[in-house]
N, C-alpha and C. Protein backbone atom coordinates (compact mmCIF):
# COMPACT_ATOMS: atom_id res chain seq x y z
N MET A 1 63.58 -115.74 152.37
CA MET A 1 64.24 -116.82 151.92
C MET A 1 63.67 -117.24 150.37
N ALA A 2 64.61 -117.70 149.69
CA ALA A 2 64.29 -118.05 148.12
C ALA A 2 63.35 -119.22 148.11
N ALA A 3 62.42 -119.17 147.10
CA ALA A 3 61.58 -120.23 147.04
C ALA A 3 62.49 -121.63 146.64
N GLY A 4 61.84 -122.58 147.47
CA GLY A 4 62.38 -123.97 147.24
C GLY A 4 63.72 -124.37 148.10
N LYS A 5 64.13 -123.21 148.86
CA LYS A 5 65.23 -123.44 149.82
C LYS A 5 64.88 -123.67 151.22
N SER A 6 65.25 -124.59 151.75
CA SER A 6 64.97 -124.77 153.34
C SER A 6 66.00 -124.22 154.10
N ALA A 7 65.66 -124.05 155.36
CA ALA A 7 66.67 -123.33 156.22
C ALA A 7 67.93 -124.35 156.52
N GLU A 8 67.56 -125.56 156.32
CA GLU A 8 68.68 -126.68 156.25
C GLU A 8 69.69 -126.57 155.21
N ALA A 9 69.25 -126.22 154.05
CA ALA A 9 70.00 -126.18 152.75
C ALA A 9 70.86 -124.89 152.86
N ILE A 10 70.59 -123.86 153.50
CA ILE A 10 71.65 -122.70 153.61
C ILE A 10 72.39 -122.78 154.97
N ALA A 11 72.16 -123.58 155.96
CA ALA A 11 72.77 -123.69 157.17
C ALA A 11 74.32 -124.27 156.85
N GLU A 12 75.25 -123.78 157.64
CA GLU A 12 76.62 -124.39 157.52
C GLU A 12 76.53 -125.84 158.18
N PRO A 13 77.21 -126.96 157.33
CA PRO A 13 77.34 -128.22 158.13
C PRO A 13 78.35 -128.11 159.27
N ALA A 14 77.59 -128.45 160.47
CA ALA A 14 78.40 -128.26 161.64
C ALA A 14 79.73 -129.19 161.81
N ASP A 15 79.80 -130.39 160.90
CA ASP A 15 81.02 -131.29 161.03
C ASP A 15 81.89 -130.56 160.12
N ARG A 16 81.70 -129.60 159.30
CA ARG A 16 82.67 -128.88 158.58
C ARG A 16 82.99 -127.52 158.77
N VAL A 17 82.71 -127.09 160.20
CA VAL A 17 83.10 -125.76 160.65
C VAL A 17 83.86 -126.11 161.88
N LEU A 18 85.05 -125.30 161.99
CA LEU A 18 86.13 -125.53 163.02
C LEU A 18 85.96 -124.47 164.07
N VAL A 19 85.77 -124.62 165.27
CA VAL A 19 85.64 -123.68 166.30
C VAL A 19 86.75 -124.10 167.39
N ILE A 20 87.65 -123.22 167.78
CA ILE A 20 88.53 -123.55 168.71
C ILE A 20 88.65 -122.42 169.70
N THR A 21 88.51 -122.51 170.92
CA THR A 21 88.44 -121.39 172.03
C THR A 21 89.54 -121.83 172.94
N ARG A 22 90.48 -120.70 173.11
CA ARG A 22 91.58 -120.94 174.16
C ARG A 22 91.73 -119.69 174.91
N VAL A 23 92.20 -119.92 176.16
CA VAL A 23 92.60 -118.81 176.95
C VAL A 23 94.15 -118.83 177.09
N PHE A 24 94.79 -117.91 176.68
CA PHE A 24 96.22 -117.73 176.73
C PHE A 24 96.67 -116.61 177.83
N ASP A 25 97.71 -117.29 178.73
CA ASP A 25 98.14 -116.41 179.80
C ASP A 25 99.00 -115.40 179.22
N ALA A 26 98.42 -114.19 178.58
CA ALA A 26 99.15 -113.21 178.04
C ALA A 26 98.18 -112.21 177.69
N PRO A 27 98.67 -110.78 177.72
CA PRO A 27 97.68 -109.86 177.40
C PRO A 27 97.24 -109.85 175.82
N ARG A 28 96.01 -109.43 175.71
CA ARG A 28 95.37 -109.36 174.40
C ARG A 28 96.27 -108.88 173.24
N GLN A 29 97.03 -107.78 173.49
CA GLN A 29 97.87 -106.96 172.52
C GLN A 29 99.02 -108.03 172.07
N LEU A 30 99.50 -108.65 173.03
CA LEU A 30 100.48 -109.68 172.54
C LEU A 30 100.09 -110.87 171.89
N VAL A 31 98.97 -111.49 172.09
CA VAL A 31 98.42 -112.62 171.46
C VAL A 31 97.94 -112.14 170.03
N TYR A 32 97.41 -111.03 169.89
CA TYR A 32 97.04 -110.34 168.55
C TYR A 32 98.38 -110.11 167.71
N GLN A 33 99.41 -109.65 168.44
CA GLN A 33 100.74 -109.46 167.73
C GLN A 33 101.22 -110.67 167.29
N ALA A 34 101.07 -111.64 168.09
CA ALA A 34 101.71 -113.02 167.73
C ALA A 34 100.93 -113.64 166.60
N PHE A 35 99.80 -113.25 166.05
CA PHE A 35 99.21 -113.51 164.91
C PHE A 35 99.54 -112.81 163.63
N THR A 36 99.97 -111.48 164.00
CA THR A 36 100.10 -110.53 162.83
C THR A 36 101.42 -110.01 162.63
N ASP A 37 102.45 -110.36 163.55
CA ASP A 37 103.89 -110.04 163.38
C ASP A 37 104.82 -111.28 162.88
N PRO A 38 105.19 -111.31 161.63
CA PRO A 38 105.90 -112.53 161.11
C PRO A 38 106.89 -112.99 162.15
N LYS A 39 107.66 -112.07 162.80
CA LYS A 39 108.76 -112.68 163.77
C LYS A 39 108.07 -113.42 164.86
N HIS A 40 106.90 -113.05 165.32
CA HIS A 40 106.22 -113.96 166.15
C HIS A 40 105.60 -115.15 165.61
N VAL A 41 105.05 -115.11 164.41
CA VAL A 41 104.27 -116.26 163.79
C VAL A 41 105.19 -117.20 163.62
N LEU A 42 106.49 -116.94 163.13
CA LEU A 42 107.45 -117.98 162.87
C LEU A 42 107.94 -118.73 164.18
N LYS A 43 107.72 -118.16 165.27
CA LYS A 43 107.92 -118.94 166.58
C LYS A 43 106.90 -120.10 167.01
N TRP A 44 105.71 -120.01 166.43
CA TRP A 44 104.72 -121.01 166.71
C TRP A 44 103.80 -121.51 165.72
N ALA A 45 103.81 -121.01 164.44
CA ALA A 45 102.69 -121.46 163.44
C ALA A 45 103.22 -122.78 162.92
N GLY A 46 102.13 -123.60 162.74
CA GLY A 46 102.43 -124.98 162.43
C GLY A 46 102.40 -125.91 163.62
N PRO A 47 101.95 -127.27 163.29
CA PRO A 47 102.32 -128.14 164.40
C PRO A 47 103.79 -128.47 164.69
N ARG A 48 104.12 -129.14 165.63
CA ARG A 48 105.51 -129.33 166.17
C ARG A 48 106.25 -129.96 165.11
N ASP A 49 105.71 -131.08 164.35
CA ASP A 49 106.47 -131.74 163.25
C ASP A 49 106.29 -130.96 161.93
N TYR A 50 105.64 -129.81 161.79
CA TYR A 50 105.74 -129.08 160.63
C TYR A 50 105.63 -127.63 160.85
N PRO A 51 106.87 -127.01 161.61
CA PRO A 51 106.75 -125.64 161.95
C PRO A 51 106.98 -124.84 160.79
N ALA A 52 106.43 -123.54 160.98
CA ALA A 52 106.51 -122.46 159.94
C ALA A 52 108.18 -122.11 159.49
N VAL A 53 108.42 -121.99 158.39
CA VAL A 53 109.77 -121.70 158.08
C VAL A 53 109.91 -120.37 157.23
N HIS A 54 108.68 -119.82 156.75
CA HIS A 54 108.60 -118.68 155.91
C HIS A 54 107.19 -118.06 156.34
N VAL A 55 107.10 -116.73 156.59
CA VAL A 55 105.86 -116.03 156.95
C VAL A 55 105.99 -114.57 156.30
N GLU A 56 104.98 -114.28 155.48
CA GLU A 56 104.99 -112.92 155.12
C GLU A 56 103.48 -112.48 154.91
N GLY A 57 103.31 -111.18 155.17
CA GLY A 57 101.90 -110.65 155.03
C GLY A 57 101.93 -109.27 155.06
N ASP A 58 100.95 -108.74 154.19
CA ASP A 58 100.61 -107.33 153.97
C ASP A 58 99.24 -107.12 154.84
N LEU A 59 99.56 -106.69 156.23
CA LEU A 59 98.41 -106.64 157.12
C LEU A 59 97.62 -105.43 156.77
N ARG A 60 96.74 -105.69 156.04
CA ARG A 60 95.71 -104.52 155.59
C ARG A 60 94.57 -105.17 154.94
N PRO A 61 93.30 -104.79 154.91
CA PRO A 61 92.16 -105.51 154.10
C PRO A 61 92.65 -105.51 152.57
N GLY A 62 92.64 -106.47 152.14
CA GLY A 62 92.99 -106.71 150.69
C GLY A 62 94.39 -107.18 150.47
N GLY A 63 95.04 -107.19 151.60
CA GLY A 63 96.65 -107.55 151.59
C GLY A 63 96.54 -109.08 151.50
N LYS A 64 97.79 -109.55 150.95
CA LYS A 64 98.00 -110.96 150.76
C LYS A 64 98.82 -111.48 152.01
N TRP A 65 98.77 -112.79 152.47
CA TRP A 65 99.48 -113.43 153.32
C TRP A 65 100.13 -114.72 152.72
N ARG A 66 101.22 -115.31 153.21
CA ARG A 66 101.63 -116.68 152.70
C ARG A 66 102.54 -117.09 153.93
N THR A 67 102.47 -118.45 153.97
CA THR A 67 103.29 -119.17 154.95
C THR A 67 103.63 -120.60 154.41
N CYS A 68 104.84 -120.88 154.81
CA CYS A 68 105.31 -122.18 154.46
C CYS A 68 105.67 -123.04 155.66
N LEU A 69 104.98 -124.15 155.87
CA LEU A 69 105.35 -125.13 156.92
C LEU A 69 106.18 -126.25 156.25
N ARG A 70 107.26 -126.57 157.02
CA ARG A 70 108.30 -127.66 156.44
C ARG A 70 108.32 -128.75 157.47
N ALA A 71 108.25 -130.00 157.04
CA ALA A 71 108.43 -131.24 157.90
C ALA A 71 109.82 -131.06 158.48
N LEU A 72 109.88 -131.55 159.78
CA LEU A 72 111.17 -131.35 160.59
C LEU A 72 112.36 -132.17 159.96
N ASP A 73 111.86 -133.32 159.19
CA ASP A 73 113.06 -133.91 158.35
C ASP A 73 113.28 -133.39 156.95
N GLY A 74 112.56 -132.14 156.77
CA GLY A 74 113.01 -131.45 155.41
C GLY A 74 112.26 -132.18 154.14
N SER A 75 111.36 -133.34 154.49
CA SER A 75 111.05 -133.97 153.37
C SER A 75 109.82 -133.40 152.40
N ARG A 76 109.12 -132.42 153.17
CA ARG A 76 107.85 -131.91 152.55
C ARG A 76 107.75 -130.45 153.01
N GLU A 77 107.32 -129.60 152.05
CA GLU A 77 106.74 -128.22 152.33
C GLU A 77 105.41 -128.07 151.98
N LEU A 78 104.78 -127.34 153.02
CA LEU A 78 103.29 -127.03 152.63
C LEU A 78 103.05 -125.59 152.70
N TRP A 79 102.68 -125.05 151.51
CA TRP A 79 102.42 -123.62 151.46
C TRP A 79 100.96 -123.32 151.50
N GLN A 80 100.63 -122.24 152.11
CA GLN A 80 99.21 -121.74 152.35
C GLN A 80 99.22 -120.33 152.19
N GLY A 81 98.07 -119.76 151.80
CA GLY A 81 98.05 -118.31 151.76
C GLY A 81 96.58 -117.79 151.61
N GLY A 82 96.56 -116.59 151.41
CA GLY A 82 95.16 -115.93 151.49
C GLY A 82 95.30 -114.39 151.41
N VAL A 83 94.04 -113.73 151.71
CA VAL A 83 93.83 -112.39 151.74
C VAL A 83 93.22 -112.03 152.91
N TYR A 84 93.78 -110.84 153.55
CA TYR A 84 93.15 -110.30 154.72
C TYR A 84 91.66 -109.51 154.34
N ARG A 85 90.84 -109.89 155.05
CA ARG A 85 89.49 -109.34 154.85
C ARG A 85 89.08 -108.12 155.80
N GLU A 86 89.37 -108.51 157.10
CA GLU A 86 89.04 -107.42 158.19
C GLU A 86 90.11 -107.55 159.22
N ILE A 87 90.52 -106.36 159.68
CA ILE A 87 91.50 -106.06 160.74
C ILE A 87 91.05 -105.17 161.68
N VAL A 88 90.83 -105.60 163.07
CA VAL A 88 90.52 -104.62 164.05
C VAL A 88 91.53 -104.86 165.12
N PRO A 89 92.61 -103.95 165.14
CA PRO A 89 93.78 -104.30 166.02
C PRO A 89 93.39 -104.75 167.47
N ASN A 90 93.93 -105.85 167.89
CA ASN A 90 93.76 -106.40 169.27
C ASN A 90 92.32 -106.98 169.36
N GLU A 91 91.47 -107.03 168.44
CA GLU A 91 90.23 -107.42 168.66
C GLU A 91 89.74 -108.53 167.63
N ARG A 92 90.08 -108.51 166.33
CA ARG A 92 89.39 -109.34 165.34
C ARG A 92 90.40 -109.31 164.14
N LEU A 93 90.61 -110.55 163.61
CA LEU A 93 91.28 -110.90 162.25
C LEU A 93 90.28 -111.71 161.47
N VAL A 94 90.13 -111.35 160.14
CA VAL A 94 89.30 -112.25 159.17
C VAL A 94 90.15 -112.31 157.95
N TYR A 95 90.39 -113.57 157.44
CA TYR A 95 91.18 -113.69 156.29
C TYR A 95 90.84 -115.03 155.69
N SER A 96 91.10 -114.98 154.22
CA SER A 96 90.88 -116.27 153.53
C SER A 96 92.01 -117.06 153.69
N PHE A 97 91.90 -118.41 153.51
CA PHE A 97 92.79 -119.56 153.79
C PHE A 97 92.63 -120.57 152.72
N ALA A 98 93.81 -120.96 152.09
CA ALA A 98 93.84 -122.15 151.04
C ALA A 98 95.21 -122.65 151.04
N TRP A 99 95.40 -123.93 150.93
CA TRP A 99 96.68 -124.55 150.48
C TRP A 99 96.97 -124.53 149.19
N ASP A 100 98.22 -124.32 148.90
CA ASP A 100 98.75 -124.58 147.47
C ASP A 100 98.64 -126.07 147.12
N GLN A 101 98.27 -126.37 146.03
CA GLN A 101 98.25 -127.75 145.45
C GLN A 101 99.53 -128.06 144.94
N GLU A 102 99.90 -129.34 144.60
CA GLU A 102 101.00 -129.79 143.88
C GLU A 102 101.25 -129.23 142.53
N ASP A 103 100.17 -128.94 141.86
CA ASP A 103 100.23 -128.32 140.43
C ASP A 103 100.33 -126.84 140.46
N GLY A 104 100.34 -126.25 141.79
CA GLY A 104 100.46 -124.94 141.72
C GLY A 104 99.21 -124.10 142.06
N SER A 105 98.17 -124.84 141.82
CA SER A 105 96.83 -124.09 141.99
C SER A 105 96.32 -123.97 143.38
N GLN A 106 95.41 -123.36 143.63
CA GLN A 106 94.89 -123.14 145.05
C GLN A 106 93.84 -124.37 145.24
N GLY A 107 94.01 -124.78 146.67
CA GLY A 107 93.06 -125.91 146.99
C GLY A 107 91.83 -125.20 147.58
N PRO A 108 90.80 -126.06 147.96
CA PRO A 108 89.57 -125.48 148.61
C PRO A 108 89.80 -124.28 149.55
N GLY A 109 89.00 -123.31 149.55
CA GLY A 109 89.18 -122.22 150.37
C GLY A 109 88.39 -122.15 151.52
N THR A 110 88.80 -121.62 152.60
CA THR A 110 88.01 -121.40 153.84
C THR A 110 88.12 -119.93 154.38
N LEU A 111 87.29 -119.54 155.27
CA LEU A 111 87.45 -118.24 155.82
C LEU A 111 87.85 -118.39 157.31
N VAL A 112 88.79 -117.72 157.76
CA VAL A 112 89.11 -117.73 159.12
C VAL A 112 88.81 -116.52 159.89
N THR A 113 88.23 -116.46 161.02
CA THR A 113 87.75 -115.40 161.86
C THR A 113 88.21 -115.59 163.24
N ILE A 114 89.08 -114.74 163.64
CA ILE A 114 89.68 -114.78 165.04
C ILE A 114 89.38 -113.58 165.92
N THR A 115 88.87 -113.93 167.12
CA THR A 115 88.48 -112.75 167.91
C THR A 115 89.48 -112.82 169.06
N PHE A 116 89.84 -111.71 169.79
CA PHE A 116 90.66 -111.63 171.00
C PHE A 116 90.05 -110.74 172.03
N ALA A 117 89.61 -111.35 173.14
CA ALA A 117 88.90 -110.60 174.18
C ALA A 117 89.86 -110.77 175.53
N ASP A 118 89.94 -109.65 176.22
CA ASP A 118 90.71 -109.57 177.39
C ASP A 118 89.87 -110.09 178.52
N GLN A 119 90.71 -110.80 179.28
CA GLN A 119 90.14 -111.70 180.53
C GLN A 119 91.07 -111.24 181.59
N GLY A 120 91.04 -110.22 182.14
CA GLY A 120 91.81 -109.80 183.27
C GLY A 120 93.32 -110.17 183.17
N GLY A 121 93.85 -109.69 181.95
CA GLY A 121 95.37 -109.95 181.76
C GLY A 121 95.62 -111.13 180.89
N LYS A 122 94.62 -111.90 180.82
CA LYS A 122 94.70 -113.12 179.81
C LYS A 122 93.96 -112.88 178.67
N THR A 123 93.98 -113.63 177.80
CA THR A 123 93.28 -113.36 176.46
C THR A 123 92.51 -114.64 175.97
N LEU A 124 91.18 -114.30 175.78
CA LEU A 124 90.33 -115.45 175.29
C LEU A 124 90.21 -115.26 173.67
N MET A 125 90.82 -116.41 173.20
CA MET A 125 90.90 -116.35 171.59
C MET A 125 89.83 -117.27 171.12
N THR A 126 88.96 -116.73 170.23
CA THR A 126 88.04 -117.75 169.60
C THR A 126 88.43 -117.68 167.98
N PHE A 127 88.72 -118.97 167.58
CA PHE A 127 89.15 -119.13 166.30
C PHE A 127 88.02 -119.94 165.54
N ARG A 128 87.65 -119.41 164.41
CA ARG A 128 86.71 -120.10 163.65
C ARG A 128 87.16 -120.30 162.11
N GLN A 129 87.10 -121.42 161.60
CA GLN A 129 87.37 -121.60 160.16
C GLN A 129 86.40 -122.48 159.50
N ALA A 130 85.87 -122.02 158.37
CA ALA A 130 84.78 -122.62 157.78
C ALA A 130 84.80 -122.06 156.34
N VAL A 131 84.11 -122.78 155.45
CA VAL A 131 83.43 -124.13 155.53
C VAL A 131 84.31 -125.14 154.86
N PHE A 132 84.70 -126.11 155.45
CA PHE A 132 85.56 -127.07 154.94
C PHE A 132 84.74 -127.91 153.76
N ASN A 133 85.50 -128.35 152.90
CA ASN A 133 84.99 -129.24 151.84
C ASN A 133 84.54 -130.53 152.28
N THR A 134 85.39 -131.13 153.18
CA THR A 134 85.07 -132.40 153.99
C THR A 134 85.20 -132.29 155.40
N ARG A 135 84.54 -133.22 155.90
CA ARG A 135 84.97 -133.49 157.46
C ARG A 135 86.27 -133.73 157.75
N GLU A 136 86.79 -134.64 156.87
CA GLU A 136 88.17 -135.00 157.20
C GLU A 136 89.16 -133.86 157.16
N ASN A 137 88.96 -132.86 156.23
CA ASN A 137 89.81 -131.71 156.20
C ASN A 137 89.68 -130.92 157.39
N CYS A 138 88.34 -130.80 157.84
CA CYS A 138 88.25 -130.07 159.00
C CYS A 138 88.80 -130.65 160.21
N ASP A 139 88.69 -131.86 160.26
CA ASP A 139 89.38 -132.60 161.45
C ASP A 139 90.92 -132.63 161.28
N GLY A 140 91.50 -132.55 160.21
CA GLY A 140 93.01 -132.43 160.07
C GLY A 140 93.43 -131.03 160.46
N HIS A 141 92.56 -130.01 160.08
CA HIS A 141 92.95 -128.63 160.53
C HIS A 141 92.77 -128.48 162.10
N ARG A 142 91.82 -129.15 162.59
CA ARG A 142 91.59 -129.27 164.09
C ARG A 142 92.94 -129.69 164.82
N ARG A 143 93.44 -130.80 164.35
CA ARG A 143 94.80 -131.32 165.04
C ARG A 143 95.82 -130.20 164.67
N GLY A 144 95.92 -129.79 163.52
CA GLY A 144 97.05 -128.80 163.13
C GLY A 144 96.98 -127.59 163.87
N TRP A 145 95.79 -126.90 163.98
CA TRP A 145 95.75 -125.68 164.72
C TRP A 145 95.89 -125.97 166.12
N ASN A 146 95.21 -126.90 166.81
CA ASN A 146 95.53 -127.26 168.23
C ASN A 146 97.09 -127.55 168.54
N GLY A 147 97.73 -128.03 167.70
CA GLY A 147 99.27 -128.21 167.84
C GLY A 147 99.82 -126.91 167.85
N ALA A 148 99.40 -126.09 166.94
CA ALA A 148 100.18 -124.74 166.81
C ALA A 148 99.70 -123.93 167.97
N PHE A 149 98.33 -123.88 168.46
CA PHE A 149 98.06 -123.17 169.45
C PHE A 149 98.74 -123.61 170.70
N ASP A 150 99.07 -124.94 170.85
CA ASP A 150 99.92 -125.24 172.06
C ASP A 150 101.21 -124.61 171.98
N ARG A 151 101.71 -124.54 170.90
CA ARG A 151 102.98 -123.78 170.68
C ARG A 151 103.00 -122.34 171.00
N LEU A 152 101.73 -121.71 170.56
CA LEU A 152 101.61 -120.20 170.69
C LEU A 152 101.48 -120.01 172.27
N ALA A 153 100.73 -120.91 173.07
CA ALA A 153 100.58 -120.67 174.33
C ALA A 153 102.02 -120.74 175.25
N GLU A 154 102.92 -121.48 174.70
CA GLU A 154 104.13 -121.69 175.24
C GLU A 154 104.95 -120.28 174.90
N HIS A 155 104.78 -119.74 173.68
CA HIS A 155 105.57 -118.58 173.14
C HIS A 155 105.05 -117.38 173.88
N VAL A 156 103.79 -117.14 173.97
CA VAL A 156 103.45 -116.00 174.78
C VAL A 156 103.56 -116.16 176.29
N ALA A 157 103.60 -117.25 176.67
CA ALA A 157 103.95 -117.41 178.34
C ALA A 157 105.40 -116.91 178.53
N ARG A 158 106.28 -116.98 177.49
CA ARG A 158 107.75 -116.77 177.80
C ARG A 158 107.99 -115.44 177.90
N ARG A 159 107.13 -114.52 177.37
CA ARG A 159 107.23 -113.14 177.27
C ARG A 159 106.86 -112.16 178.46
């Protein structure tokens, strides 16, 4: 440890780390595909009031991804994007995540890590996004992702 640095100084602040665990009633391969195939992602990404209308991605380490969420009333579009860092098919996805700002710049970035584990024909997904710049941003993402994951559960259950 570097001189003058305490363990607390290098630990991630728990109130700015988002972890969501869900069990989906679908095989692991399908849940993984729902995250990586744009045709699937369009069916569930975004909360109900801001569904995805555009999804693209170059699924390889170093490949970029972009998604646009649009308000149901068409009043606002929210663009986000990042770069894939690690891909282990049906097991793990790691990518950077940032919102586009109104001036075209990228907002504060986070790192998303998703693991997929088989549970007897169901899938245990562990989603982690960190480190947020504020607790409020973390809480907002918790609401948004949980809304999207509710939609994802419905999407994969219909297959």
